[in-house]
Amino acid sequence: MKILYAVLLASLVLAAPQAANAQGAGVCNRQADEIASKVQGDAQAWIDAIDHSLPQDEQDALKLLFSRNRDRSLQVVDKQKEECTAQFKDMQNMMDAVVAFYTGGLSKILAPRMTHVDVSEILAGYPLGGPNALIPKFREDVLRGDNGTIANIVRDPWKCLTFQRKC
């Protein structure tokens, strides 16, 4: 019986890598999106600030320069996001295998987001998922922006109990 479980677990581990890469790491995705948004905004601000009294060819040259700088920066952001996600790959593969085993293989046939447990979010201190996960969104809907002591304890009991956060 133990051998059967070991074989099943090994086959799930071998099947899991494509799922981890497809999902990415929430922490990495969020950080990359934030940086990319800043790069896009800065590049657009630079383009908008081009002096229109300059000759058209100089304006075009500056627009091209800023656009290429933006594109190269976004390529670096994508590369960094891939490297960040790669750091979580082995742990994510293990988590995916455990989830597949625990759900009796249902996680392999259900929609990816239904049973996905993002290891990067857990390691970042979000045991219930990242800021956009179902449970934190529901909690914020219930609290409706309340910043009182009880709401802060509900949001992050551990940090309140260990005095890492003002409650």
C-alpha atoms as a PDB file:
ATOM      1  CA  MET A   1       0.000   0.000   0.000  1.00  0.00           C
ATOM      2  CA  LYS A   2       2.847   2.395   0.859  1.00  0.00           C
ATOM      3  CA  ILE A   3       4.460   1.628  -2.477  1.00  0.00           C
ATOM      4  CA  LEU A   4       1.229   2.513  -4.283  1.00  0.00           C
ATOM      5  CA  TYR A   5       1.111   5.886  -2.514  1.00  0.00           C
ATOM      6  CA  ALA A   6       4.786   6.522  -3.295  1.00  0.00           C
ATOM      7  CA  VAL A   7       4.262   5.716  -6.984  1.00  0.00           C
ATOM      8  CA  LEU A   8       1.157   7.917  -7.113  1.00  0.00           C
ATOM      9  CA  LEU A   9       2.949  10.795  -5.389  1.00  0.00           C
ATOM     10  CA  ALA A  10       5.969  10.460  -7.698  1.00  0.00           C
ATOM     11  CA  SER A  11       3.763  10.506 -10.791  1.00  0.00           C
ATOM     12  CA  LEU A  12       1.986  13.616  -9.511  1.00  0.00           C
ATOM     13  CA  VAL A  13       5.303  15.349  -8.833  1.00  0.00           C
ATOM     14  CA  LEU A  14       6.417  14.607 -12.380  1.00  0.00           C
ATOM     15  CA  ALA A  15       3.118  15.878 -13.794  1.00  0.00           C
ATOM     16  CA  ALA A  16       3.051  19.058 -11.687  1.00  0.00           C
ATOM     17  CA  PRO A  17       5.815  21.250 -13.195  1.00  0.00           C
ATOM     18  CA  GLN A  18       3.718  22.606 -16.045  1.00  0.00           C
ATOM     19  CA  ALA A  19       1.046  23.755 -13.580  1.00  0.00           C
ATOM     20  CA  ALA A  20       3.541  25.696 -11.461  1.00  0.00           C
ATOM     21  CA  ASN A  21       4.960  27.539 -14.431  1.00  0.00           C
ATOM     22  CA  ALA A  22       1.530  28.318 -15.867  1.00  0.00           C
ATOM     23  CA  GLN A  23       0.326  29.862 -12.596  1.00  0.00           C
ATOM     24  CA  GLY A  24       3.461  31.830 -11.812  1.00  0.00           C
ATOM     25  CA  ALA A  25       4.100  33.148  -8.341  1.00  0.00           C
ATOM     26  CA  GLY A  26       1.607  35.712  -7.100  1.00  0.00           C
ATOM     27  CA  VAL A  27       4.240  37.685  -5.224  1.00  0.00           C
ATOM     28  CA  CYS A  28       6.431  37.893  -8.337  1.00  0.00           C
ATOM     29  CA  ASN A  29       3.499  38.744 -10.612  1.00  0.00           C
ATOM     30  CA  ARG A  30       2.279  41.520  -8.316  1.00  0.00           C
ATOM     31  CA  GLN A  31       5.729  43.076  -7.984  1.00  0.00           C
ATOM     32  CA  ALA A  32       6.405  42.865 -11.733  1.00  0.00           C
ATOM     33  CA  ASP A  33       3.010  44.405 -12.537  1.00  0.00           C
ATOM     34  CA  GLU A  34       3.681  47.275 -10.142  1.00  0.00           C
ATOM     35  CA  ILE A  35       7.119  47.967 -11.665  1.00  0.00           C
ATOM     36  CA  ALA A  36       5.812  47.643 -15.233  1.00  0.00           C
ATOM     37  CA  SER A  37       3.016  50.096 -14.466  1.00  0.00           C
ATOM     38  CA  LYS A  38       5.542  52.584 -13.078  1.00  0.00           C
ATOM     39  CA  VAL A  39       7.779  52.164 -16.145  1.00  0.00           C
ATOM     40  CA  GLN A  40       4.786  52.679 -18.485  1.00  0.00           C
ATOM     41  CA  GLY A  41       3.659  55.764 -16.569  1.00  0.00           C
ATOM     42  CA  ASP A  42       7.123  57.321 -16.475  1.00  0.00           C
ATOM     43  CA  ALA A  43       7.722  56.686 -20.178  1.00  0.00           C
ATOM     44  CA  GLN A  44       4.376  58.233 -21.067  1.00  0.00           C
ATOM     45  CA  ALA A  45       5.107  61.241 -18.840  1.00  0.00           C
ATOM     46  CA  TRP A  46       8.452  61.750 -20.593  1.00  0.00           C
ATOM     47  CA  ILE A  47       6.814  61.491 -24.013  1.00  0.00           C
ATOM     48  CA  ASP A  48       4.076  63.919 -22.986  1.00  0.00           C
ATOM     49  CA  ALA A  49       6.704  66.372 -21.682  1.00  0.00           C
ATOM     50  CA  ILE A  50       8.499  66.667 -25.024  1.00  0.00           C
ATOM     51  CA  ASP A  51       8.704  70.310 -26.012  1.00  0.00           C
ATOM     52  CA  HIS A  52       6.458  70.818 -29.039  1.00  0.00           C
ATOM     53  CA  SER A  53       8.493  73.825 -30.126  1.00  0.00           C
ATOM     54  CA  LEU A  54      11.319  71.467 -31.117  1.00  0.00           C
ATOM     55  CA  PRO A  55      11.566  70.443 -34.768  1.00  0.00           C
ATOM     56  CA  GLN A  56       9.399  67.421 -35.603  1.00  0.00           C
ATOM     57  CA  ASP A  57      12.394  65.151 -36.299  1.00  0.00           C
ATOM     58  CA  GLU A  58      13.810  65.890 -32.825  1.00  0.00           C
ATOM     59  CA  GLN A  59      10.412  65.233 -31.235  1.00  0.00           C
ATOM     60  CA  ASP A  60      10.199  61.926 -33.112  1.00  0.00           C
ATOM     61  CA  ALA A  61      13.737  61.008 -32.035  1.00  0.00           C
ATOM     62  CA  LEU A  62      12.908  61.673 -28.384  1.00  0.00           C
ATOM     63  CA  LYS A  63       9.675  59.674 -28.633  1.00  0.00           C
ATOM     64  CA  LEU A  64      11.608  56.790 -30.180  1.00  0.00           C
ATOM     65  CA  LEU A  65      14.266  56.999 -27.467  1.00  0.00           C
ATOM     66  CA  PHE A  66      11.710  56.977 -24.650  1.00  0.00           C
ATOM     67  CA  SER A  67       9.684  54.190 -26.280  1.00  0.00           C
ATOM     68  CA  ARG A  68      12.736  51.978 -26.749  1.00  0.00           C
ATOM     69  CA  ASN A  69      13.866  52.669 -23.206  1.00  0.00           C
ATOM     70  CA  ARG A  70      10.399  51.651 -21.981  1.00  0.00           C
ATOM     71  CA  ASP A  71      10.409  48.471 -24.089  1.00  0.00           C
ATOM     72  CA  ARG A  72      13.883  47.445 -22.887  1.00  0.00           C
ATOM     73  CA  SER A  73      12.916  48.124 -19.291  1.00  0.00           C
ATOM     74  CA  LEU A  74       9.764  46.005 -19.660  1.00  0.00           C
ATOM     75  CA  GLN A  75      11.886  43.164 -21.072  1.00  0.00           C
ATOM     76  CA  VAL A  76      14.083  43.355 -17.957  1.00  0.00           C
ATOM     77  CA  VAL A  77      10.962  43.303 -15.765  1.00  0.00           C
ATOM     78  CA  ASP A  78       9.714  40.155 -17.550  1.00  0.00           C
ATOM     79  CA  LYS A  79      13.093  38.469 -17.139  1.00  0.00           C
ATOM     80  CA  GLN A  80      13.202  39.340 -13.435  1.00  0.00           C
ATOM     81  CA  LYS A  81       9.652  38.023 -12.996  1.00  0.00           C
ATOM     82  CA  GLU A  82      10.658  34.707 -14.584  1.00  0.00           C
ATOM     83  CA  GLU A  83      13.726  34.477 -12.315  1.00  0.00           C
ATOM     84  CA  CYS A  84      11.607  35.286  -9.269  1.00  0.00           C
ATOM     85  CA  THR A  85       9.021  32.648 -10.199  1.00  0.00           C
ATOM     86  CA  ALA A  86      11.796  30.087 -10.770  1.00  0.00           C
ATOM     87  CA  GLN A  87      12.827  30.471  -7.114  1.00  0.00           C
ATOM     88  CA  PHE A  88       9.476  29.030  -6.043  1.00  0.00           C
ATOM     89  CA  LYS A  89       9.302  26.294  -8.700  1.00  0.00           C
ATOM     90  CA  ASP A  90      10.427  23.314  -6.574  1.00  0.00           C
ATOM     91  CA  MET A  91       8.273  24.267  -3.582  1.00  0.00           C
ATOM     92  CA  GLN A  92       5.302  24.973  -5.868  1.00  0.00           C
ATOM     93  CA  ASN A  93       5.719  21.586  -7.566  1.00  0.00           C
ATOM     94  CA  MET A  94       5.664  19.918  -4.149  1.00  0.00           C
ATOM     95  CA  MET A  95       2.563  21.887  -3.130  1.00  0.00           C
ATOM     96  CA  ASP A  96       0.816  21.023  -6.400  1.00  0.00           C
ATOM     97  CA  ALA A  97       1.615  17.337  -5.841  1.00  0.00           C
ATOM     98  CA  VAL A  98       0.260  17.443  -2.289  1.00  0.00           C
ATOM     99  CA  VAL A  99      -2.911  19.211  -3.454  1.00  0.00           C
ATOM    100  CA  ALA A 100      -3.366  16.676  -6.263  1.00  0.00           C
ATOM    101  CA  PHE A 101      -2.916  13.808  -3.825  1.00  0.00           C
ATOM    102  CA  TYR A 102      -5.188  15.399  -1.216  1.00  0.00           C
ATOM    103  CA  THR A 103      -7.951  16.068  -3.748  1.00  0.00           C
ATOM    104  CA  GLY A 104      -7.639  12.593  -5.223  1.00  0.00           C
ATOM    105  CA  GLY A 105      -6.524  14.040  -8.552  1.00  0.00           C
ATOM    106  CA  LEU A 106      -9.464  16.460  -8.877  1.00  0.00           C
ATOM    107  CA  SER A 107      -7.082  19.409  -8.923  1.00  0.00           C
ATOM    108  CA  LYS A 108      -5.755  18.107 -12.246  1.00  0.00           C
ATOM    109  CA  ILE A 109      -9.166  18.266 -13.940  1.00  0.00           C
ATOM    110  CA  LEU A 110     -10.722  21.296 -12.225  1.00  0.00           C
ATOM    111  CA  ALA A 111     -10.030  24.860 -13.335  1.00  0.00           C
ATOM    112  CA  PRO A 112      -6.487  25.804 -12.233  1.00  0.00           C
ATOM    113  CA  ARG A 113      -7.542  28.594  -9.866  1.00  0.00           C
ATOM    114  CA  MET A 114     -10.047  26.406  -7.975  1.00  0.00           C
ATOM    115  CA  THR A 115      -7.435  24.342  -6.151  1.00  0.00           C
ATOM    116  CA  HIS A 116      -4.199  26.280  -6.686  1.00  0.00           C
ATOM    117  CA  VAL A 117      -2.247  27.036  -3.520  1.00  0.00           C
ATOM    118  CA  ASP A 118       0.419  29.663  -4.259  1.00  0.00           C
ATOM    119  CA  VAL A 119       3.534  28.919  -2.207  1.00  0.00           C
ATOM    120  CA  SER A 120       4.919  32.413  -2.821  1.00  0.00           C
ATOM    121  CA  GLU A 121       1.872  33.951  -1.124  1.00  0.00           C
ATOM    122  CA  ILE A 122       2.206  31.654   1.889  1.00  0.00           C
ATOM    123  CA  LEU A 123       5.901  32.526   2.242  1.00  0.00           C
ATOM    124  CA  ALA A 124       5.052  36.232   1.891  1.00  0.00           C
ATOM    125  CA  GLY A 125       2.748  35.992   4.900  1.00  0.00           C
ATOM    126  CA  TYR A 126      -0.595  35.441   3.176  1.00  0.00           C
ATOM    127  CA  PRO A 127      -1.701  31.979   4.347  1.00  0.00           C
ATOM    128  CA  LEU A 128      -5.180  32.528   2.867  1.00  0.00           C
ATOM    129  CA  GLY A 129      -3.872  33.731  -0.490  1.00  0.00           C
ATOM    130  CA  GLY A 130      -2.650  37.082  -1.728  1.00  0.00           C
ATOM    131  CA  PRO A 131      -4.490  40.367  -1.444  1.00  0.00           C
ATOM    132  CA  ASN A 132      -6.762  39.445  -4.367  1.00  0.00           C
ATOM    133  CA  ALA A 133      -7.695  35.984  -3.089  1.00  0.00           C
ATOM    134  CA  LEU A 134     -11.310  35.145  -2.276  1.00  0.00           C
ATOM    135  CA  ILE A 135     -11.034  35.060   1.533  1.00  0.00           C
ATOM    136  CA  PRO A 136      -9.152  38.382   1.952  1.00  0.00           C
ATOM    137  CA  LYS A 137     -11.546  40.093  -0.492  1.00  0.00           C
ATOM    138  CA  PHE A 138     -14.551  38.747   1.419  1.00  0.00           C
ATOM    139  CA  ARG A 139     -12.997  39.871   4.717  1.00  0.00           C
ATOM    140  CA  GLU A 140     -12.465  43.406   3.369  1.00  0.00           C
ATOM    141  CA  ASP A 141     -16.023  43.492   2.017  1.00  0.00           C
ATOM    142  CA  VAL A 142     -17.323  42.630   5.479  1.00  0.00           C
ATOM    143  CA  LEU A 143     -15.052  45.137   7.256  1.00  0.00           C
ATOM    144  CA  ARG A 144     -15.837  47.884   4.673  1.00  0.00           C
ATOM    145  CA  GLY A 145     -12.659  49.893   5.316  1.00  0.00           C
ATOM    146  CA  ASP A 146     -12.992  49.819   9.115  1.00  0.00           C
ATOM    147  CA  ASN A 147      -9.571  50.501  10.676  1.00  0.00           C
ATOM    148  CA  GLY A 148     -10.531  50.016  14.309  1.00  0.00           C
ATOM    149  CA  THR A 149      -8.851  47.637  16.731  1.00  0.00           C
ATOM    150  CA  ILE A 150     -11.193  44.700  16.114  1.00  0.00           C
ATOM    151  CA  ALA A 151     -10.887  45.077  12.337  1.00  0.00           C
ATOM    152  CA  ASN A 152      -7.094  45.177  12.569  1.00  0.00           C
ATOM    153  CA  ILE A 153      -7.086  42.040  14.724  1.00  0.00           C
ATOM    154  CA  VAL A 154      -9.332  40.285  12.190  1.00  0.00           C
ATOM    155  CA  ARG A 155      -7.071  41.382   9.318  1.00  0.00           C
ATOM    156  CA  ASP A 156      -3.802  40.264  10.883  1.00  0.00           C
ATOM    157  CA  PRO A 157      -4.129  38.602  14.284  1.00  0.00           C
ATOM    158  CA  TRP A 158      -0.543  37.378  14.427  1.00  0.00           C
ATOM    159  CA  LYS A 159       1.007  40.818  13.940  1.00  0.00           C
ATOM    160  CA  CYS A 160      -1.404  42.307  16.474  1.00  0.00           C
ATOM    161  CA  LEU A 161      -0.680  39.637  19.078  1.00  0.00           C
ATOM    162  CA  THR A 162       3.095  39.966  18.591  1.00  0.00           C
ATOM    163  CA  PHE A 163       2.920  43.794  18.570  1.00  0.00           C
ATOM    164  CA  GLN A 164       4.311  44.028  15.029  1.00  0.00           C
ATOM    165  CA  ARG A 165       1.281  46.073  14.020  1.00  0.00           C
ATOM    166  CA  LYS A 166      -0.694  48.763  15.845  1.00  0.00           C
ATOM    167  CA  CYS A 167      -4.116  47.372  16.600  1.00  0.00           C
END
